[in-house]
Amino acid sequence: MAKPKSRALTELEGAALTVIHRLRSCTPYRVRLDFLQSRSHEWSGSAGAVYPALRRLHARGLLRADETGEGRRSVNYALTKAGSDALARWLMDVERVAGSGLDPFRCRADLWPDLPKGERQAFLKALADELNRKCATLAQLLKAKGVPEPRAIALELALHRTRLNWLRSSAE
């Protein structure tokens, strides 16, 4: 009999497993804190998103829950073998990784020419200023020793520089 195909992880579930993998084991609150501190505004650190996702992953056998002994039924989650396998499949899902995903810049760009000229110019200047500020902050972060996720930060820096270049070329 063929083994049933497991359901693909959502991006939220994959990100949660990533946090647990990186920390080896942690409480649900620690996963939530990681999301709250994320540089991405798209990650919800809300208890209503994180805790149910972790319960689903545990129910699917992707996480092992060990009591911490600290009261209030606190647990540390760790990946099971099935969880590590699911994380690996999510990590190497070429089609989804190569997808455009949620991009607030791209979603709005086609409407910018419709703004009144004065508002558009002021907005695009403010946007370029913000992107330059973010680039400077990210460049400083990359110089720090032991910065977590340096590749993700370098990728974010490259993205903002690409956006700045696109803004300059589309203004001509």
N, C-alpha and C. Protein backbone atom coordinates (compact mmCIF):
# COMPACT_ATOMS: atom_id res chain seq x y z
N MET A 1 0.84 -1.18 0.00
CA MET A 1 0.00 0.00 0.00
C MET A 1 0.89 1.24 0.00
N ALA A 2 0.54 2.22 -0.84
CA ALA A 2 1.33 3.45 -0.94
C ALA A 2 1.15 4.29 0.31
N LYS A 3 2.23 4.91 0.72
CA LYS A 3 2.22 5.79 1.87
C LYS A 3 1.45 7.06 1.49
N PRO A 4 0.50 7.53 2.33
CA PRO A 4 -0.24 8.74 1.98
C PRO A 4 0.69 9.95 1.92
N LYS A 5 0.44 10.80 0.94
CA LYS A 5 1.26 12.00 0.80
C LYS A 5 0.90 12.98 1.91
N SER A 6 1.93 13.49 2.59
CA SER A 6 1.67 14.42 3.68
C SER A 6 1.33 15.79 3.11
N ARG A 7 0.49 16.50 3.84
CA ARG A 7 0.07 17.84 3.44
C ARG A 7 1.27 18.78 3.54
N ALA A 8 1.41 19.62 2.54
CA ALA A 8 2.52 20.57 2.53
C ALA A 8 2.35 21.58 3.66
N LEU A 9 3.45 22.02 4.20
CA LEU A 9 3.43 23.03 5.25
C LEU A 9 3.02 24.38 4.67
N THR A 10 2.31 25.16 5.46
CA THR A 10 2.07 26.55 5.10
C THR A 10 3.37 27.31 5.37
N GLU A 11 3.46 28.53 4.89
CA GLU A 11 4.65 29.34 5.16
C GLU A 11 4.79 29.59 6.66
N LEU A 12 3.67 29.83 7.35
CA LEU A 12 3.70 30.04 8.80
C LEU A 12 4.23 28.79 9.51
N GLU A 13 3.73 27.62 9.11
CA GLU A 13 4.18 26.37 9.73
C GLU A 13 5.66 26.12 9.45
N GLY A 14 6.09 26.36 8.21
CA GLY A 14 7.49 26.19 7.87
C GLY A 14 8.39 27.13 8.66
N ALA A 15 7.93 28.37 8.81
CA ALA A 15 8.71 29.34 9.58
C ALA A 15 8.78 28.94 11.05
N ALA A 16 7.67 28.42 11.59
CA ALA A 16 7.66 27.97 12.99
C ALA A 16 8.63 26.80 13.19
N LEU A 17 8.60 25.84 12.26
CA LEU A 17 9.53 24.72 12.36
C LEU A 17 10.98 25.20 12.24
N THR A 18 11.19 26.21 11.42
CA THR A 18 12.53 26.77 11.26
C THR A 18 13.05 27.34 12.58
N VAL A 19 12.21 28.07 13.29
CA VAL A 19 12.61 28.64 14.58
C VAL A 19 12.97 27.51 15.55
N ILE A 20 12.11 26.49 15.62
CA ILE A 20 12.36 25.38 16.54
C ILE A 20 13.62 24.63 16.14
N HIS A 21 13.83 24.42 14.86
CA HIS A 21 15.04 23.75 14.37
C HIS A 21 16.28 24.55 14.77
N ARG A 22 16.24 25.86 14.56
CA ARG A 22 17.39 26.72 14.86
C ARG A 22 17.71 26.69 16.36
N LEU A 23 16.68 26.68 17.20
CA LEU A 23 16.89 26.72 18.65
C LEU A 23 17.01 25.32 19.27
N ARG A 24 16.80 24.29 18.46
CA ARG A 24 16.82 22.88 18.89
C ARG A 24 15.56 22.48 19.65
N SER A 25 15.11 23.30 20.56
CA SER A 25 13.81 23.13 21.22
C SER A 25 13.48 24.47 21.87
N CYS A 26 12.18 24.71 22.01
CA CYS A 26 11.77 25.97 22.64
C CYS A 26 10.29 25.93 22.96
N THR A 27 9.88 26.88 23.75
CA THR A 27 8.47 26.99 24.12
C THR A 27 7.69 27.66 22.99
N PRO A 28 6.38 27.47 22.99
CA PRO A 28 5.55 28.19 22.00
C PRO A 28 5.73 29.71 22.13
N TYR A 29 5.88 30.19 23.36
CA TYR A 29 6.08 31.63 23.55
C TYR A 29 7.36 32.09 22.85
N ARG A 30 8.41 31.30 22.89
CA ARG A 30 9.69 31.67 22.24
C ARG A 30 9.51 31.76 20.72
N VAL A 31 8.70 30.84 20.15
CA VAL A 31 8.42 30.92 18.71
C VAL A 31 7.68 32.21 18.42
N ARG A 32 6.68 32.51 19.24
CA ARG A 32 5.90 33.74 19.07
C ARG A 32 6.80 34.97 19.17
N LEU A 33 7.69 34.98 20.13
CA LEU A 33 8.61 36.10 20.32
C LEU A 33 9.50 36.28 19.09
N ASP A 34 9.97 35.19 18.51
CA ASP A 34 10.79 35.25 17.31
C ASP A 34 10.00 35.91 16.18
N PHE A 35 8.73 35.55 16.03
CA PHE A 35 7.90 36.15 14.99
C PHE A 35 7.66 37.63 15.26
N LEU A 36 7.41 37.97 16.52
CA LEU A 36 7.18 39.38 16.88
C LEU A 36 8.41 40.23 16.58
N GLN A 37 9.60 39.64 16.70
CA GLN A 37 10.85 40.38 16.48
C GLN A 37 11.33 40.28 15.04
N SER A 38 10.58 39.59 14.20
CA SER A 38 10.97 39.39 12.81
C SER A 38 11.04 40.72 12.06
N ARG A 39 11.95 40.82 11.13
CA ARG A 39 12.05 42.00 10.28
C ARG A 39 10.90 42.05 9.28
N SER A 40 10.19 40.95 9.10
CA SER A 40 9.09 40.88 8.15
C SER A 40 7.79 41.28 8.82
N HIS A 41 7.08 42.21 8.21
CA HIS A 41 5.78 42.62 8.75
C HIS A 41 4.70 41.60 8.41
N GLU A 42 5.01 40.66 7.53
CA GLU A 42 4.02 39.68 7.12
C GLU A 42 3.84 38.55 8.14
N TRP A 43 4.82 38.35 9.04
CA TRP A 43 4.69 37.30 10.04
C TRP A 43 3.85 37.79 11.19
N SER A 44 2.83 37.04 11.48
CA SER A 44 2.00 37.40 12.62
C SER A 44 2.56 36.75 13.87
N GLY A 45 2.86 37.57 14.84
CA GLY A 45 3.32 37.04 16.11
C GLY A 45 2.16 36.90 17.09
N SER A 46 0.95 36.98 16.55
CA SER A 46 -0.21 36.91 17.44
C SER A 46 -0.36 35.50 18.01
N ALA A 47 -0.80 35.46 19.25
CA ALA A 47 -1.05 34.17 19.89
C ALA A 47 -2.09 33.38 19.10
N GLY A 48 -3.04 34.08 18.49
CA GLY A 48 -4.09 33.42 17.72
C GLY A 48 -3.61 32.79 16.43
N ALA A 49 -2.40 33.11 15.99
CA ALA A 49 -1.82 32.49 14.79
C ALA A 49 -0.78 31.44 15.17
N VAL A 50 0.11 31.80 16.08
CA VAL A 50 1.26 30.93 16.40
C VAL A 50 0.84 29.69 17.18
N TYR A 51 0.11 29.86 18.26
CA TYR A 51 -0.21 28.72 19.11
C TYR A 51 -1.05 27.66 18.40
N PRO A 52 -2.09 28.03 17.65
CA PRO A 52 -2.83 26.99 16.91
C PRO A 52 -1.96 26.28 15.85
N ALA A 53 -1.06 27.03 15.20
CA ALA A 53 -0.17 26.40 14.21
C ALA A 53 0.72 25.36 14.89
N LEU A 54 1.25 25.69 16.06
CA LEU A 54 2.11 24.74 16.78
C LEU A 54 1.30 23.52 17.24
N ARG A 55 0.06 23.74 17.66
CA ARG A 55 -0.78 22.59 18.06
C ARG A 55 -1.06 21.69 16.86
N ARG A 56 -1.31 22.30 15.69
CA ARG A 56 -1.54 21.49 14.47
C ARG A 56 -0.29 20.68 14.12
N LEU A 57 0.88 21.32 14.20
CA LEU A 57 2.12 20.61 13.89
C LEU A 57 2.36 19.47 14.88
N HIS A 58 2.04 19.69 16.14
CA HIS A 58 2.17 18.64 17.15
C HIS A 58 1.19 17.51 16.87
N ALA A 59 -0.05 17.84 16.55
CA ALA A 59 -1.07 16.83 16.26
C ALA A 59 -0.71 16.01 15.02
N ARG A 60 0.00 16.60 14.08
CA ARG A 60 0.44 15.88 12.87
C ARG A 60 1.69 15.05 13.12
N GLY A 61 2.23 15.11 14.34
CA GLY A 61 3.41 14.32 14.67
C GLY A 61 4.71 14.94 14.22
N LEU A 62 4.69 16.24 13.90
CA LEU A 62 5.89 16.92 13.43
C LEU A 62 6.69 17.53 14.58
N LEU A 63 6.04 17.65 15.74
CA LEU A 63 6.69 18.18 16.93
C LEU A 63 6.50 17.25 18.11
N ARG A 64 7.52 17.18 18.94
CA ARG A 64 7.45 16.47 20.22
C ARG A 64 7.33 17.53 21.30
N ALA A 65 6.43 17.32 22.25
CA ALA A 65 6.24 18.28 23.34
C ALA A 65 6.75 17.66 24.64
N ASP A 66 7.71 18.31 25.25
CA ASP A 66 8.26 17.87 26.53
C ASP A 66 7.88 18.89 27.59
N GLU A 67 7.30 18.41 28.69
CA GLU A 67 6.92 19.30 29.81
C GLU A 67 8.18 20.01 30.33
N THR A 68 8.05 21.30 30.62
CA THR A 68 9.18 22.05 31.15
C THR A 68 9.23 21.98 32.67
N GLY A 69 8.11 21.63 33.29
CA GLY A 69 8.04 21.61 34.74
C GLY A 69 7.94 22.99 35.35
N GLU A 70 7.67 23.98 34.52
CA GLU A 70 7.59 25.36 34.99
C GLU A 70 6.15 25.81 35.23
N GLY A 71 5.23 24.90 35.34
CA GLY A 71 3.84 25.26 35.61
C GLY A 71 3.08 25.64 34.36
N ARG A 72 1.79 25.85 34.54
CA ARG A 72 0.89 26.24 33.47
C ARG A 72 1.03 25.35 32.23
N ARG A 73 1.32 24.08 32.44
CA ARG A 73 1.44 23.10 31.35
C ARG A 73 2.41 23.58 30.26
N SER A 74 3.44 24.27 30.64
CA SER A 74 4.41 24.79 29.69
C SER A 74 5.21 23.62 29.09
N VAL A 75 5.41 23.71 27.77
CA VAL A 75 6.15 22.66 27.06
C VAL A 75 7.27 23.27 26.23
N ASN A 76 8.25 22.44 25.97
CA ASN A 76 9.27 22.74 24.97
C ASN A 76 8.96 21.87 23.77
N TYR A 77 8.91 22.48 22.60
CA TYR A 77 8.71 21.72 21.37
C TYR A 77 10.06 21.43 20.74
N ALA A 78 10.18 20.25 20.15
CA ALA A 78 11.35 19.87 19.36
C ALA A 78 10.84 19.14 18.13
N LEU A 79 11.61 19.18 17.06
CA LEU A 79 11.20 18.48 15.84
C LEU A 79 11.31 16.98 16.02
N THR A 80 10.33 16.26 15.48
CA THR A 80 10.43 14.81 15.38
C THR A 80 11.13 14.50 14.06
N LYS A 81 11.38 13.25 13.79
CA LYS A 81 11.96 12.86 12.49
C LYS A 81 11.01 13.30 11.38
N ALA A 82 9.71 13.09 11.57
CA ALA A 82 8.73 13.52 10.56
C ALA A 82 8.75 15.04 10.41
N GLY A 83 8.97 15.76 11.51
CA GLY A 83 9.06 17.22 11.45
C GLY A 83 10.28 17.67 10.67
N SER A 84 11.41 17.01 10.90
CA SER A 84 12.63 17.34 10.15
C SER A 84 12.44 17.05 8.67
N ASP A 85 11.77 15.94 8.37
CA ASP A 85 11.51 15.60 6.96
C ASP A 85 10.58 16.63 6.31
N ALA A 86 9.53 17.04 7.04
CA ALA A 86 8.59 18.03 6.51
C ALA A 86 9.30 19.37 6.30
N LEU A 87 10.15 19.74 7.24
CA LEU A 87 10.91 20.98 7.12
C LEU A 87 11.82 20.93 5.89
N ALA A 88 12.46 19.80 5.66
CA ALA A 88 13.34 19.65 4.49
C ALA A 88 12.54 19.77 3.19
N ARG A 89 11.35 19.17 3.14
CA ARG A 89 10.51 19.28 1.93
C ARG A 89 10.11 20.73 1.71
N TRP A 90 9.72 21.41 2.78
CA TRP A 90 9.31 22.82 2.69
C TRP A 90 10.49 23.68 2.24
N LEU A 91 11.65 23.43 2.83
CA LEU A 91 12.85 24.18 2.52
C LEU A 91 13.23 24.08 1.04
N MET A 92 13.03 22.89 0.45
CA MET A 92 13.47 22.65 -0.92
C MET A 92 12.32 22.61 -1.93
N ASP A 93 11.19 23.21 -1.61
CA ASP A 93 10.06 23.29 -2.53
C ASP A 93 10.36 24.39 -3.55
N VAL A 94 10.99 23.99 -4.64
CA VAL A 94 11.50 24.93 -5.64
C VAL A 94 10.39 25.85 -6.17
N GLU A 95 9.25 25.29 -6.48
CA GLU A 95 8.17 26.10 -7.05
C GLU A 95 7.74 27.22 -6.09
N ARG A 96 7.56 26.88 -4.83
CA ARG A 96 7.14 27.90 -3.86
C ARG A 96 8.27 28.88 -3.53
N VAL A 97 9.49 28.39 -3.43
CA VAL A 97 10.61 29.29 -3.13
C VAL A 97 10.80 30.29 -4.27
N ALA A 98 10.60 29.84 -5.51
CA ALA A 98 10.79 30.72 -6.67
C ALA A 98 9.57 31.60 -6.93
N GLY A 99 8.50 31.40 -6.19
CA GLY A 99 7.30 32.21 -6.37
C GLY A 99 7.52 33.66 -5.95
N SER A 100 6.67 34.52 -6.42
CA SER A 100 6.79 35.94 -6.11
C SER A 100 6.34 36.27 -4.70
N GLY A 101 5.42 35.50 -4.17
CA GLY A 101 4.98 35.72 -2.81
C GLY A 101 4.35 37.08 -2.58
N LEU A 102 4.07 37.36 -1.34
CA LEU A 102 3.48 38.64 -0.97
C LEU A 102 4.57 39.71 -1.03
N ASP A 103 4.32 40.74 -1.82
CA ASP A 103 5.29 41.82 -1.96
C ASP A 103 4.52 43.14 -2.02
N PRO A 104 4.46 43.86 -0.90
CA PRO A 104 3.71 45.11 -0.88
C PRO A 104 4.20 46.15 -1.89
N PHE A 105 5.47 46.17 -2.18
CA PHE A 105 6.04 47.09 -3.16
C PHE A 105 5.46 46.79 -4.54
N ARG A 106 5.56 45.53 -4.94
CA ARG A 106 5.10 45.11 -6.27
C ARG A 106 3.59 45.29 -6.41
N CYS A 107 2.83 45.00 -5.34
CA CYS A 107 1.37 45.11 -5.39
C CYS A 107 0.90 46.55 -5.62
N ARG A 108 1.69 47.52 -5.22
CA ARG A 108 1.29 48.93 -5.31
C ARG A 108 1.90 49.67 -6.51
N ALA A 109 2.99 49.16 -7.04
CA ALA A 109 3.79 49.90 -8.02
C ALA A 109 3.01 50.35 -9.25
N ASP A 110 2.09 49.53 -9.74
CA ASP A 110 1.34 49.91 -10.94
C ASP A 110 0.39 51.08 -10.72
N LEU A 111 0.07 51.37 -9.46
CA LEU A 111 -0.86 52.46 -9.17
C LEU A 111 -0.16 53.79 -8.90
N TRP A 112 1.12 53.78 -8.66
CA TRP A 112 1.84 55.02 -8.36
C TRP A 112 1.72 56.07 -9.46
N PRO A 113 1.78 55.68 -10.74
CA PRO A 113 1.62 56.70 -11.79
C PRO A 113 0.25 57.40 -11.74
N ASP A 114 -0.74 56.77 -11.12
CA ASP A 114 -2.07 57.36 -11.05
C ASP A 114 -2.20 58.44 -9.98
N LEU A 115 -1.21 58.53 -9.09
CA LEU A 115 -1.25 59.56 -8.05
C LEU A 115 -1.07 60.94 -8.70
N PRO A 116 -1.69 61.97 -8.13
CA PRO A 116 -1.43 63.32 -8.64
C PRO A 116 0.08 63.59 -8.59
N LYS A 117 0.58 64.32 -9.59
CA LYS A 117 2.02 64.49 -9.77
C LYS A 117 2.74 64.93 -8.49
N GLY A 118 2.24 65.95 -7.80
CA GLY A 118 2.89 66.44 -6.59
C GLY A 118 2.92 65.37 -5.49
N GLU A 119 1.80 64.69 -5.30
CA GLU A 119 1.74 63.62 -4.29
C GLU A 119 2.66 62.47 -4.66
N ARG A 120 2.67 62.13 -5.95
CA ARG A 120 3.53 61.03 -6.43
C ARG A 120 4.99 61.35 -6.17
N GLN A 121 5.42 62.56 -6.52
CA GLN A 121 6.82 62.94 -6.33
C GLN A 121 7.19 62.92 -4.85
N ALA A 122 6.32 63.44 -4.01
CA ALA A 122 6.60 63.44 -2.56
C ALA A 122 6.64 62.02 -2.02
N PHE A 123 5.70 61.20 -2.47
CA PHE A 123 5.66 59.81 -2.02
C PHE A 123 6.92 59.06 -2.45
N LEU A 124 7.29 59.18 -3.73
CA LEU A 124 8.45 58.44 -4.23
C LEU A 124 9.75 58.91 -3.56
N LYS A 125 9.84 60.19 -3.23
CA LYS A 125 11.01 60.67 -2.49
C LYS A 125 11.02 60.07 -1.09
N ALA A 126 9.86 60.06 -0.43
CA ALA A 126 9.77 59.47 0.92
C ALA A 126 10.09 57.98 0.87
N LEU A 127 9.63 57.30 -0.17
CA LEU A 127 9.90 55.87 -0.32
C LEU A 127 11.40 55.63 -0.53
N ALA A 128 12.01 56.42 -1.39
CA ALA A 128 13.46 56.27 -1.63
C ALA A 128 14.24 56.57 -0.35
N ASP A 129 13.82 57.60 0.39
CA ASP A 129 14.49 57.92 1.66
C ASP A 129 14.39 56.75 2.64
N GLU A 130 13.20 56.15 2.72
CA GLU A 130 13.01 55.01 3.63
C GLU A 130 13.83 53.81 3.19
N LEU A 131 13.87 53.54 1.90
CA LEU A 131 14.68 52.42 1.41
C LEU A 131 16.17 52.66 1.68
N ASN A 132 16.62 53.88 1.49
CA ASN A 132 18.02 54.22 1.80
C ASN A 132 18.31 54.03 3.28
N ARG A 133 17.38 54.45 4.13
CA ARG A 133 17.55 54.28 5.58
C ARG A 133 17.63 52.79 5.92
N LYS A 134 16.74 51.99 5.34
CA LYS A 134 16.76 50.55 5.59
C LYS A 134 18.07 49.93 5.11
N CYS A 135 18.56 50.36 3.95
CA CYS A 135 19.83 49.84 3.44
C CYS A 135 20.97 50.14 4.40
N ALA A 136 21.00 51.35 4.92
CA ALA A 136 22.06 51.73 5.86
C ALA A 136 21.97 50.88 7.13
N THR A 137 20.76 50.68 7.64
CA THR A 137 20.57 49.87 8.85
C THR A 137 21.01 48.43 8.62
N LEU A 138 20.62 47.87 7.48
CA LEU A 138 20.97 46.48 7.17
C LEU A 138 22.48 46.33 6.97
N ALA A 139 23.10 47.30 6.32
CA ALA A 139 24.56 47.25 6.12
C ALA A 139 25.27 47.27 7.47
N GLN A 140 24.78 48.08 8.41
CA GLN A 140 25.35 48.10 9.76
C GLN A 140 25.14 46.77 10.47
N LEU A 141 23.96 46.20 10.34
CA LEU A 141 23.68 44.90 10.96
C LEU A 141 24.65 43.84 10.47
N LEU A 142 24.93 43.85 9.17
CA LEU A 142 25.83 42.84 8.60
C LEU A 142 27.25 42.97 9.12
N LYS A 143 27.63 44.15 9.58
CA LYS A 143 28.97 44.35 10.12
C LYS A 143 29.10 43.82 11.55
N ALA A 144 27.96 43.63 12.23
CA ALA A 144 27.98 43.17 13.62
C ALA A 144 28.38 41.70 13.69
N LYS A 145 29.09 41.35 14.73
CA LYS A 145 29.51 39.96 14.94
C LYS A 145 28.32 39.15 15.46
N GLY A 146 28.17 37.95 14.97
CA GLY A 146 27.16 37.03 15.47
C GLY A 146 25.73 37.42 15.17
N VAL A 147 25.52 38.24 14.14
CA VAL A 147 24.16 38.63 13.79
C VAL A 147 23.38 37.38 13.34
N PRO A 148 22.16 37.19 13.85
CA PRO A 148 21.38 36.03 13.41
C PRO A 148 20.90 36.23 11.97
N GLU A 149 20.86 35.17 11.24
CA GLU A 149 20.36 35.13 9.87
C GLU A 149 21.06 36.12 8.93
N PRO A 150 22.38 36.08 8.83
CA PRO A 150 23.09 37.05 7.98
C PRO A 150 22.71 36.93 6.50
N ARG A 151 22.41 35.74 6.03
CA ARG A 151 22.03 35.60 4.61
C ARG A 151 20.69 36.26 4.33
N ALA A 152 19.76 36.11 5.27
CA ALA A 152 18.46 36.75 5.10
C ALA A 152 18.60 38.27 5.11
N ILE A 153 19.48 38.78 5.95
CA ILE A 153 19.70 40.23 6.01
C ILE A 153 20.36 40.70 4.71
N ALA A 154 21.34 39.95 4.22
CA ALA A 154 21.99 40.32 2.95
C ALA A 154 21.00 40.29 1.79
N LEU A 155 20.10 39.33 1.81
CA LEU A 155 19.08 39.24 0.76
C LEU A 155 18.11 40.42 0.85
N GLU A 156 17.73 40.78 2.07
CA GLU A 156 16.85 41.95 2.26
C GLU A 156 17.54 43.22 1.76
N LEU A 157 18.82 43.36 2.05
CA LEU A 157 19.58 44.51 1.59
C LEU A 157 19.60 44.55 0.06
N ALA A 158 19.86 43.42 -0.58
CA ALA A 158 19.87 43.36 -2.04
C ALA A 158 18.49 43.70 -2.62
N LEU A 159 17.43 43.25 -1.96
CA LEU A 159 16.07 43.55 -2.41
C LEU A 159 15.82 45.06 -2.37
N HIS A 160 16.18 45.71 -1.26
CA HIS A 160 15.95 47.15 -1.15
C HIS A 160 16.80 47.92 -2.16
N ARG A 161 18.01 47.47 -2.40
CA ARG A 161 18.85 48.14 -3.41
C ARG A 161 18.25 47.97 -4.80
N THR A 162 17.69 46.81 -5.08
CA THR A 162 17.02 46.56 -6.36
C THR A 162 15.81 47.48 -6.50
N ARG A 163 15.05 47.62 -5.43
CA ARG A 163 13.89 48.52 -5.46
C ARG A 163 14.33 49.96 -5.73
N LEU A 164 15.40 50.39 -5.07
CA LEU A 164 15.92 51.75 -5.31
C LEU A 164 16.33 51.93 -6.77
N ASN A 165 17.03 50.93 -7.31
CA ASN A 165 17.44 51.01 -8.72
C ASN A 165 16.22 51.06 -9.63
N TRP A 166 15.21 50.28 -9.32
CA TRP A 166 13.99 50.29 -10.13
C TRP A 166 13.31 51.65 -10.05
N LEU A 167 13.23 52.23 -8.84
CA LEU A 167 12.63 53.55 -8.70
C LEU A 167 13.37 54.58 -9.54
N ARG A 168 14.71 54.55 -9.51
CA ARG A 168 15.52 55.50 -10.29
C ARG A 168 15.26 55.32 -11.79
N SER A 169 15.24 54.08 -12.24
CA SER A 169 15.07 53.84 -13.69
C SER A 169 13.65 54.12 -14.15
N SER A 170 12.67 53.92 -13.28
CA SER A 170 11.28 54.17 -13.71
C SER A 170 10.93 55.65 -13.63
N ALA A 171 11.73 56.45 -12.96
CA ALA A 171 11.49 57.88 -12.85
C ALA A 171 11.95 58.63 -14.10
N GLU A 172 12.75 57.96 -14.90
CA GLU A 172 13.32 58.62 -16.10
C GLU A 172 12.33 58.67 -17.22
